[in-house]
Amino acid sequence: MKKPNRSKFSRSSRFGLGFGSLFLIFFGLLSVSGVGASDSAASDYSIIASVQNQTLVQGVTSREPVANASVTVTTPGGEVIGTATTDEQGLCTIAVPTRDDYLITLDIESLPDGLQLIDANKFQVSITKDLFTTNTKRVTFFTGQSGTAGATETERILQRLADGIRLGLIIAMCSVGLSLVFGATGLTNFAHGEMVTFGGLMAFFFNVNLEIPILISGPIVIFMGGLFGLLFNWGIFARLTKRGIGLISQLVVTVGLSIMLRNIYLFQFGGRTKQLASFSKQTNLEIGPIGITPRDLTTAILGVIILVSVALFLQRSRLGKAIRAVSDNVQLASATGIDTRKVIRVVWFAGGALAATGGIFRGLDEQVSFSMGSDLLFLMFAGITLGGLGSAFGALIGGFSIGILVEMSSLLVPSELKVAPALFILIVVLIVRPQGILGKSQRVG
């Protein structure tokens, strides 16, 4: 009696179970952690008012929260909805019954002695129901000095250069992992931004929810980021490759994976940006005309150390040379006895760890949000395109250059458009020199 052929069914079942395992493990991790779950689960609407005192030191602005300031929310007709007083973080939350039009008024008399609004006419903010894109709406009142007063052109250029170096280090760190995966597997991973976000969210969970200092929780999060990268490879892409699924189809999978993860992050974390507890209140150090907090200076130094270590590892170590060989030519590397599967696993782990590190540093530099990685994704692509697709060293140079370009461009264009020049560079490089700075030109056809 002829036995039924179950080979295709078995392969499909194993793949389905693998993908299901990836989803359940990841979603379970976020659900158990409860990262910001209450924000998205809340059904009431609220307005968060922030009062910040802004000071200017040699052209560099710094902000400190203002406590005990009274804020009132009313309807346009004058009906009082609620009144609250800011806490030590300069924040207060006032619940509102529904998504509607409101007036938020700061009581000038409640400000501490010596503090005045930068613009005396902006003691009241009007918001409409169309601005309630999430359950909460945030407004900020600024006291103190205007950020545009007193800074010379040279000071502004040097400050933007310093900010660009910090951003460039973060982009370079994230871009190396993206470039390594592309070089070893040929996969363009549009979900890499969500790997960056994973690092930021896990750092927030350990640092804020569990109150573990970032110096202790940081290495744990970086290791978890590496495991997350391995989970990507084991649960999805290694199985797709084994089944002969092409790179274009895998690229489409990464896009869908990115959308899925971003929505999971939004569901668990909420739409608001949140601050890490460690090193949140610091004053600027004055290094000549440049102002920088000790936190940002430390992360910049650590970023340089990490990137130099990665470069030395790729250049000097045996495993690093194997990674470069696989990136240059997988078939030739396999023919010379290199275990390409092991190298690919190492690359996915390294890519996830570097992405998580970038997420931690970005969360310290700015704030943590559900879209923090996807906001950097096209800057990463611009960096690896400029440096050379598949080249780890090119990603270092390209990502660093893009970060500086983004911050320096804010001197010429509005800050909302400062990313546009970097994307324009991406287009120009693709037209003029598609292989990038350190990439190798290839014969087509």
Protein backbone atom coordinates (compact mmCIF):
# COMPACT_ATOMS: atom_id res chain seq x y z
CA MET A 1 0.00 0.00 0.00
CA LYS A 2 1.44 3.37 -1.05
CA LYS A 3 2.20 5.71 1.82
CA PRO A 4 1.04 9.33 1.48
CA ASN A 5 3.73 11.91 0.86
CA ARG A 6 3.85 14.20 3.90
CA SER A 7 7.16 15.94 3.17
CA LYS A 8 5.64 19.17 1.87
CA PHE A 9 3.07 19.25 4.64
CA SER A 10 5.77 18.63 7.25
CA ARG A 11 7.97 21.42 5.93
CA SER A 12 5.04 23.86 5.88
CA SER A 13 3.98 22.80 9.36
CA ARG A 14 7.49 23.27 10.75
CA PHE A 15 7.73 26.71 9.18
CA GLY A 16 4.30 27.68 10.51
CA LEU A 17 5.23 26.47 13.98
CA GLY A 18 8.54 28.35 13.80
CA PHE A 19 6.90 31.61 12.81
CA GLY A 20 4.16 31.12 15.39
CA SER A 21 6.77 30.47 18.06
CA LEU A 22 8.58 33.70 17.15
CA PHE A 23 5.38 35.71 17.41
CA LEU A 24 4.21 34.12 20.66
CA ILE A 25 7.61 34.42 22.36
CA PHE A 26 8.01 38.06 21.40
CA PHE A 27 4.44 39.12 22.16
CA GLY A 28 4.54 37.19 25.43
CA LEU A 29 7.76 38.98 26.42
CA LEU A 30 6.19 42.40 25.93
CA SER A 31 2.90 41.36 27.55
CA VAL A 32 4.60 39.98 30.66
CA SER A 33 6.85 43.02 30.90
CA GLY A 34 3.82 45.32 30.75
CA VAL A 35 5.83 48.11 29.11
CA GLY A 36 3.44 51.02 29.17
CA ALA A 37 0.43 48.74 28.77
CA SER A 38 -1.73 50.97 30.89
CA ASP A 39 -1.32 53.86 28.45
CA SER A 40 -2.87 52.09 25.52
CA ALA A 41 -5.44 50.31 27.65
CA ALA A 42 -6.78 53.50 29.17
CA SER A 43 -10.16 54.50 27.77
CA ASP A 44 -10.26 58.09 29.15
CA TYR A 45 -8.79 61.10 27.42
CA SER A 46 -6.35 63.40 29.17
CA ILE A 47 -4.22 66.47 28.64
CA ILE A 48 -0.64 66.51 29.92
CA ALA A 49 0.74 69.97 30.66
CA SER A 50 4.47 70.56 31.01
CA VAL A 51 6.13 73.68 32.39
CA GLN A 52 9.86 74.02 31.65
CA ASN A 53 12.32 76.75 32.52
CA GLN A 54 14.74 77.38 29.66
CA THR A 55 18.17 78.88 30.21
CA LEU A 56 20.83 79.89 27.72
CA VAL A 57 24.54 79.26 28.30
CA GLN A 58 26.87 80.33 25.47
CA GLY A 59 24.17 79.73 22.89
CA VAL A 60 23.19 76.31 24.26
CA THR A 61 19.73 75.86 25.75
CA SER A 62 19.01 73.67 28.76
CA ARG A 63 15.64 73.04 30.40
CA GLU A 64 14.64 72.34 33.98
CA PRO A 65 11.14 71.35 35.15
CA VAL A 66 9.06 73.91 37.03
CA ALA A 67 7.10 72.48 39.97
CA ASN A 68 3.98 73.82 41.70
CA ALA A 69 2.69 75.69 38.65
CA SER A 70 -1.11 75.70 38.33
CA VAL A 71 -2.74 74.70 35.03
CA THR A 72 -6.46 74.79 34.22
CA VAL A 73 -8.36 73.15 31.36
CA THR A 74 -11.61 74.76 30.22
CA THR A 75 -13.98 74.53 27.29
CA PRO A 76 -14.00 77.39 24.76
CA GLY A 77 -17.17 78.58 26.53
CA GLY A 78 -15.37 78.92 29.86
CA GLU A 79 -16.58 75.77 31.65
CA VAL A 80 -13.81 74.47 33.94
CA ILE A 81 -12.90 70.84 33.24
CA GLY A 82 -10.12 70.50 35.79
CA THR A 83 -7.14 72.11 37.51
CA ALA A 84 -3.82 70.52 38.47
CA THR A 85 -0.39 71.48 39.80
CA THR A 86 2.87 70.39 38.18
CA ASP A 87 5.03 67.86 40.01
CA GLU A 88 8.83 67.69 40.35
CA GLN A 89 9.06 66.66 36.67
CA GLY A 90 7.17 69.82 35.68
CA LEU A 91 4.20 67.68 34.58
CA CYS A 92 0.53 67.43 35.46
CA THR A 93 -2.29 65.38 33.94
CA ILE A 94 -5.89 66.55 33.67
CA ALA A 95 -8.59 64.11 32.59
CA VAL A 96 -11.10 65.33 30.01
CA PRO A 97 -14.45 63.67 29.28
CA THR A 98 -14.07 63.28 25.53
CA ARG A 99 -12.09 64.27 22.45
CA ASP A 100 -13.10 67.92 21.99
CA ASP A 101 -11.90 71.53 21.82
CA TYR A 102 -10.18 72.82 24.98
CA LEU A 103 -8.23 75.79 26.35
CA ILE A 104 -5.22 75.08 28.57
CA THR A 105 -4.28 78.05 30.76
CA LEU A 106 -1.17 78.51 32.90
CA ASP A 107 -1.70 80.60 36.04
CA ILE A 108 1.10 83.17 35.80
CA GLU A 109 0.77 84.00 39.50
CA SER A 110 1.59 80.41 40.46
CA LEU A 111 5.05 80.49 38.87
CA PRO A 112 8.00 80.59 41.30
CA ASP A 113 9.46 84.01 42.04
CA GLY A 114 11.65 85.34 39.25
CA LEU A 115 10.21 83.15 36.49
CA GLN A 116 8.30 84.59 33.56
CA LEU A 117 7.05 83.15 30.30
CA ILE A 118 9.35 83.64 27.33
CA ASP A 119 6.34 85.00 25.44
CA ALA A 120 3.92 86.66 27.86
CA ASN A 121 1.06 86.15 25.41
CA LYS A 122 1.45 82.36 25.40
CA PHE A 123 -0.04 81.64 28.82
CA GLN A 124 -2.96 79.93 27.08
CA VAL A 125 -2.96 77.15 24.47
CA SER A 126 -5.94 76.16 22.36
CA ILE A 127 -6.29 72.61 21.04
CA THR A 128 -8.98 71.10 18.84
CA LYS A 129 -10.42 67.60 18.83
CA ASP A 130 -8.59 66.89 15.57
CA LEU A 131 -5.28 67.06 17.47
CA PHE A 132 -6.27 64.11 19.70
CA THR A 133 -4.53 61.49 17.56
CA THR A 134 -4.04 59.39 20.72
CA ASN A 135 -5.80 59.28 24.09
CA THR A 136 -3.49 61.98 25.43
CA LYS A 137 -2.44 65.42 24.23
CA ARG A 138 0.64 67.19 25.55
CA VAL A 139 1.22 70.95 25.73
CA THR A 140 4.32 72.74 27.01
CA PHE A 141 4.82 76.19 28.52
CA PHE A 142 8.32 77.70 28.52
CA THR A 143 9.69 80.19 31.02
CA GLY A 144 13.15 81.76 31.00
CA GLN A 145 15.20 82.77 27.96
CA SER A 146 14.64 82.35 24.25
CA GLY A 147 16.89 79.72 22.67
CA THR A 148 17.76 81.98 19.76
CA ALA A 149 19.20 84.86 21.77
CA GLY A 150 22.87 85.51 22.25
CA ALA A 151 24.41 82.71 20.16
CA THR A 152 26.94 83.66 17.51
CA GLU A 153 27.02 81.93 14.14
CA THR A 154 30.27 80.13 15.02
CA GLU A 155 28.82 78.85 18.29
CA ARG A 156 25.72 77.58 16.51
CA ILE A 157 27.84 75.76 13.90
CA LEU A 158 30.08 74.12 16.53
CA GLN A 159 27.07 73.09 18.61
CA ARG A 160 25.33 71.54 15.61
CA LEU A 161 28.58 69.76 14.72
CA ALA A 162 28.78 68.27 18.23
CA ASP A 163 25.13 67.17 18.04
CA GLY A 164 25.79 65.69 14.61
CA ILE A 165 28.72 63.65 15.89
CA ARG A 166 26.51 62.16 18.62
CA LEU A 167 23.74 61.34 16.16
CA GLY A 168 26.27 60.00 13.65
CA LEU A 169 27.69 57.57 16.21
CA ILE A 170 24.20 56.18 16.91
CA ILE A 171 23.34 55.86 13.20
CA ALA A 172 26.71 54.25 12.48
CA MET A 173 26.21 51.74 15.31
CA CYS A 174 22.79 50.75 14.00
CA SER A 175 23.91 50.78 10.36
CA VAL A 176 26.76 48.32 10.93
CA GLY A 177 24.34 45.60 12.01
CA LEU A 178 22.07 46.29 9.04
CA SER A 179 25.03 46.23 6.66
CA LEU A 180 26.46 43.01 8.13
CA VAL A 181 23.15 41.19 7.63
CA PHE A 182 22.89 42.47 4.07
CA GLY A 183 26.46 41.47 3.29
CA ALA A 184 26.14 37.96 4.74
CA THR A 185 22.65 37.09 3.50
CA GLY A 186 21.79 39.62 0.80
CA LEU A 187 18.64 40.51 2.77
CA THR A 188 17.47 44.12 2.96
CA ASN A 189 15.90 44.13 6.42
CA PHE A 190 13.22 46.80 6.77
CA ALA A 191 12.46 45.48 10.27
CA HIS A 192 15.90 46.54 11.52
CA GLY A 193 14.41 49.77 12.88
CA GLU A 194 12.14 47.71 15.13
CA MET A 195 15.23 45.94 16.48
CA VAL A 196 16.50 49.38 17.51
CA THR A 197 13.14 50.16 19.13
CA PHE A 198 13.29 46.83 20.97
CA GLY A 199 16.48 47.97 22.71
CA GLY A 200 14.95 51.30 23.72
CA LEU A 201 11.72 49.73 25.05
CA MET A 202 13.49 47.01 27.01
CA ALA A 203 15.82 49.63 28.51
CA PHE A 204 12.74 51.62 29.56
CA PHE A 205 11.14 48.51 31.10
CA PHE A 206 14.19 47.63 33.18
CA ASN A 207 15.08 51.21 34.09
CA VAL A 208 11.63 52.66 34.84
CA ASN A 209 9.31 49.72 35.58
CA LEU A 210 11.84 47.59 37.48
CA GLU A 211 13.97 50.57 38.65
CA ILE A 212 17.23 48.90 37.63
CA PRO A 213 19.99 51.43 36.81
CA ILE A 214 20.87 51.63 33.12
CA LEU A 215 24.50 50.74 33.89
CA ILE A 216 23.30 47.32 35.11
CA SER A 217 20.35 46.76 32.79
CA GLY A 218 22.13 48.03 29.66
CA PRO A 219 24.32 44.94 29.10
CA ILE A 220 21.29 42.70 29.72
CA VAL A 221 19.28 44.59 27.10
CA ILE A 222 22.15 44.40 24.60
CA PHE A 223 22.34 40.62 25.08
CA MET A 224 18.55 40.39 24.67
CA GLY A 225 18.87 42.39 21.45
CA GLY A 226 21.35 39.82 20.15
CA LEU A 227 18.93 37.00 21.03
CA PHE A 228 16.16 38.92 19.29
CA GLY A 229 18.28 39.00 16.14
CA LEU A 230 18.89 35.25 16.42
CA LEU A 231 15.14 34.77 16.82
CA PHE A 232 14.58 36.64 13.54
CA ASN A 233 17.01 34.32 11.78
CA TRP A 234 15.90 31.06 13.39
CA GLY A 235 12.18 31.72 13.31
CA ILE A 236 11.80 33.26 9.85
CA PHE A 237 14.66 33.98 7.49
CA ALA A 238 16.76 30.81 7.86
CA ARG A 239 13.60 28.79 7.21
CA LEU A 240 12.63 30.92 4.22
CA THR A 241 16.11 30.54 2.76
CA LYS A 242 16.04 26.77 3.34
CA ARG A 243 12.77 26.56 1.42
CA GLY A 244 14.27 28.48 -1.50
CA ILE A 245 12.25 31.67 -1.00
CA GLY A 246 13.87 34.52 -2.94
CA LEU A 247 15.33 37.69 -1.45
CA ILE A 248 12.60 39.90 -2.92
CA SER A 249 9.94 37.84 -1.16
CA GLN A 250 11.96 37.95 2.06
CA LEU A 251 12.22 41.74 1.72
CA VAL A 252 8.41 41.91 1.59
CA VAL A 253 8.31 39.76 4.73
CA THR A 254 10.56 42.26 6.53
CA VAL A 255 8.17 45.09 5.62
CA GLY A 256 5.21 43.17 7.03
CA LEU A 257 7.22 42.21 10.11
CA SER A 258 8.14 45.85 10.65
CA ILE A 259 4.49 46.96 10.51
CA MET A 260 3.42 44.16 12.86
CA LEU A 261 6.09 44.89 15.45
CA ARG A 262 5.50 48.64 15.32
CA ASN A 263 1.81 48.11 16.09
CA ILE A 264 2.66 45.72 18.93
CA TYR A 265 4.98 48.37 20.35
CA LEU A 266 2.23 50.99 20.03
CA PHE A 267 -0.30 48.71 21.74
CA GLN A 268 2.00 47.90 24.65
CA PHE A 269 3.90 51.17 25.05
CA GLY A 270 1.39 53.80 23.92
CA GLY A 271 1.87 56.73 21.59
CA ARG A 272 3.63 59.11 24.00
CA THR A 273 7.38 59.48 24.23
CA LYS A 274 8.79 58.65 27.65
CA GLN A 275 12.04 59.39 29.42
CA LEU A 276 14.48 56.96 30.96
CA ALA A 277 14.90 57.51 34.69
CA SER A 278 18.70 57.28 34.77
CA PHE A 279 20.62 60.51 34.14
CA SER A 280 17.44 62.43 33.22
CA LYS A 281 18.31 65.57 35.19
CA GLN A 282 21.69 66.96 34.21
CA THR A 283 23.12 70.38 33.47
CA ASN A 284 25.34 71.11 30.50
CA LEU A 285 29.10 70.96 30.69
CA GLU A 286 30.78 73.85 28.92
CA ILE A 287 33.52 72.69 26.55
CA GLY A 288 34.50 75.94 24.90
CA PRO A 289 31.46 77.16 22.95
CA ILE A 290 29.86 73.70 23.06
CA GLY A 291 27.36 72.62 25.68
CA ILE A 292 26.87 68.91 26.38
CA THR A 293 25.53 66.94 29.33
CA PRO A 294 27.78 64.38 31.06
CA ARG A 295 25.32 61.69 29.92
CA ASP A 296 25.64 62.62 26.24
CA LEU A 297 29.42 62.94 26.53
CA THR A 298 29.64 59.48 28.10
CA THR A 299 27.43 57.85 25.45
CA ALA A 300 29.50 59.51 22.72
CA ILE A 301 32.74 58.13 24.20
CA LEU A 302 31.18 54.69 24.61
CA GLY A 303 29.94 54.88 21.02
CA VAL A 304 33.46 55.56 19.76
CA ILE A 305 34.86 52.67 21.83
CA ILE A 306 32.19 50.26 20.55
CA LEU A 307 32.65 51.22 16.90
CA VAL A 308 36.46 51.00 17.12
CA SER A 309 36.11 47.61 18.81
CA VAL A 310 33.81 46.38 16.04
CA ALA A 311 36.25 47.61 13.38
CA LEU A 312 39.21 45.89 15.09
CA PHE A 313 37.18 42.70 15.52
CA LEU A 314 36.34 42.59 11.82
CA GLN A 315 39.90 43.45 10.82
CA ARG A 316 41.99 41.35 13.21
CA SER A 317 40.01 38.39 14.57
CA ARG A 318 39.59 35.08 12.79
CA LEU A 319 35.80 35.21 13.07
CA GLY A 320 35.80 38.81 11.85
CA LYS A 321 37.77 37.81 8.77
CA ALA A 322 35.30 34.97 8.18
CA ILE A 323 32.41 37.45 8.36
CA ARG A 324 34.11 39.69 5.80
CA ALA A 325 34.76 36.69 3.56
CA VAL A 326 31.10 35.63 3.68
CA SER A 327 30.06 39.21 2.94
CA ASP A 328 32.30 39.30 -0.13
CA ASN A 329 31.28 35.91 -1.57
CA VAL A 330 29.19 33.31 0.28
CA GLN A 331 29.87 30.45 -2.16
CA LEU A 332 33.62 31.03 -2.22
CA ALA A 333 33.75 31.32 1.58
CA SER A 334 31.86 28.04 1.92
CA ALA A 335 34.19 26.35 -0.56
CA THR A 336 37.20 27.35 1.57
CA GLY A 337 35.77 25.57 4.62
CA ILE A 338 34.08 28.45 6.42
CA ASP A 339 30.90 27.44 8.26
CA THR A 340 28.63 30.02 6.62
CA ARG A 341 25.58 29.09 8.71
CA LYS A 342 27.49 29.74 11.91
CA VAL A 343 28.78 33.06 10.52
CA ILE A 344 25.25 34.12 9.57
CA ARG A 345 24.02 33.34 13.09
CA VAL A 346 26.86 35.41 14.55
CA VAL A 347 25.99 38.26 12.17
CA TRP A 348 22.32 38.23 13.23
CA PHE A 349 23.32 38.23 16.90
CA ALA A 350 25.81 41.06 16.39
CA GLY A 351 23.30 43.04 14.33
CA GLY A 352 20.63 42.71 17.02
CA ALA A 353 23.06 43.61 19.81
CA LEU A 354 24.33 46.70 18.00
CA ALA A 355 20.76 47.76 17.17
CA ALA A 356 19.76 47.41 20.83
CA THR A 357 22.81 49.44 21.87
CA GLY A 358 21.80 52.17 19.45
CA GLY A 359 18.27 52.07 20.87
CA ILE A 360 19.57 52.55 24.42
CA PHE A 361 21.79 55.45 23.41
CA ARG A 362 18.98 57.04 21.38
CA GLY A 363 16.62 56.70 24.34
CA LEU A 364 19.15 58.45 26.58
CA ASP A 365 19.83 61.14 23.98
CA GLU A 366 16.19 61.85 23.14
CA GLN A 367 13.30 59.85 24.57
CA VAL A 368 11.86 56.38 24.09
CA SER A 369 8.93 55.91 21.71
CA PHE A 370 7.28 53.09 19.77
CA SER A 371 8.62 54.49 16.48
CA MET A 372 12.12 55.57 17.50
CA GLY A 373 13.82 52.92 15.35
CA SER A 374 11.65 53.32 12.28
CA ASP A 375 12.32 57.08 12.40
CA LEU A 376 16.03 56.30 11.96
CA LEU A 377 15.62 53.53 9.37
CA PHE A 378 16.01 55.60 6.22
CA LEU A 379 18.97 57.43 7.74
CA MET A 380 20.56 54.00 8.26
CA PHE A 381 19.87 53.10 4.63
CA ALA A 382 21.33 56.43 3.57
CA GLY A 383 24.44 55.68 5.63
CA ILE A 384 25.07 52.18 4.27
CA THR A 385 24.33 53.36 0.72
CA LEU A 386 26.79 56.21 1.06
CA GLY A 387 29.44 53.96 2.63
CA GLY A 388 28.87 50.96 0.39
CA LEU A 389 26.23 48.23 0.52
CA GLY A 390 27.44 45.20 2.46
CA SER A 391 30.57 46.94 3.75
CA ALA A 392 30.73 47.20 7.55
CA PHE A 393 33.46 49.84 7.36
CA GLY A 394 31.43 51.74 4.78
CA ALA A 395 28.46 51.70 7.15
CA LEU A 396 30.66 53.20 9.88
CA ILE A 397 31.79 56.04 7.65
CA GLY A 398 28.44 56.56 5.94
CA GLY A 399 26.35 56.52 9.11
CA PHE A 400 28.70 58.92 10.86
CA SER A 401 28.63 61.29 7.89
CA ILE A 402 24.83 61.20 7.61
CA GLY A 403 24.42 62.09 11.30
CA ILE A 404 26.64 65.15 10.93
CA LEU A 405 24.87 66.16 7.71
CA VAL A 406 21.42 65.93 9.34
CA GLU A 407 22.31 68.19 12.27
CA MET A 408 24.34 70.67 10.22
CA SER A 409 21.52 71.03 7.69
CA SER A 410 19.31 72.46 10.46
CA LEU A 411 21.40 75.63 10.17
CA LEU A 412 20.02 76.17 6.66
CA VAL A 413 16.59 74.53 6.66
CA PRO A 414 13.83 74.28 9.30
CA SER A 415 14.45 71.55 11.85
CA GLU A 416 11.38 69.67 10.61
CA LEU A 417 13.12 69.27 7.22
CA LYS A 418 16.64 68.50 8.39
CA VAL A 419 16.36 64.84 7.32
CA ALA A 420 15.55 65.82 3.71
CA PRO A 421 19.18 66.63 2.68
CA ALA A 422 20.32 63.19 3.88
CA LEU A 423 17.67 61.48 1.77
CA PHE A 424 18.66 63.70 -1.17
CA ILE A 425 22.25 62.49 -0.74
CA LEU A 426 20.90 58.92 -0.83
CA ILE A 427 19.30 59.57 -4.22
CA VAL A 428 22.41 61.28 -5.62
CA VAL A 429 24.71 58.45 -4.49
CA LEU A 430 22.42 55.84 -6.05
CA ILE A 431 22.60 57.72 -9.36
CA VAL A 432 26.28 58.73 -9.42
CA ARG A 433 28.03 55.96 -7.49
CA PRO A 434 25.62 53.11 -6.63
CA GLN A 435 28.35 51.04 -4.94
CA GLY A 436 29.06 53.81 -2.39
CA ILE A 437 32.38 55.05 -1.05
CA LEU A 438 33.91 51.68 -0.08
CA GLY A 439 31.70 49.40 -2.16
CA LYS A 440 32.98 47.49 -5.16
CA SER A 441 31.50 48.01 -8.61
CA GLN A 442 30.11 44.86 -10.16
CA ARG A 443 29.54 43.82 -13.74
CA VAL A 444 25.85 43.35 -14.58
CA GLY A 445 24.83 40.95 -17.34
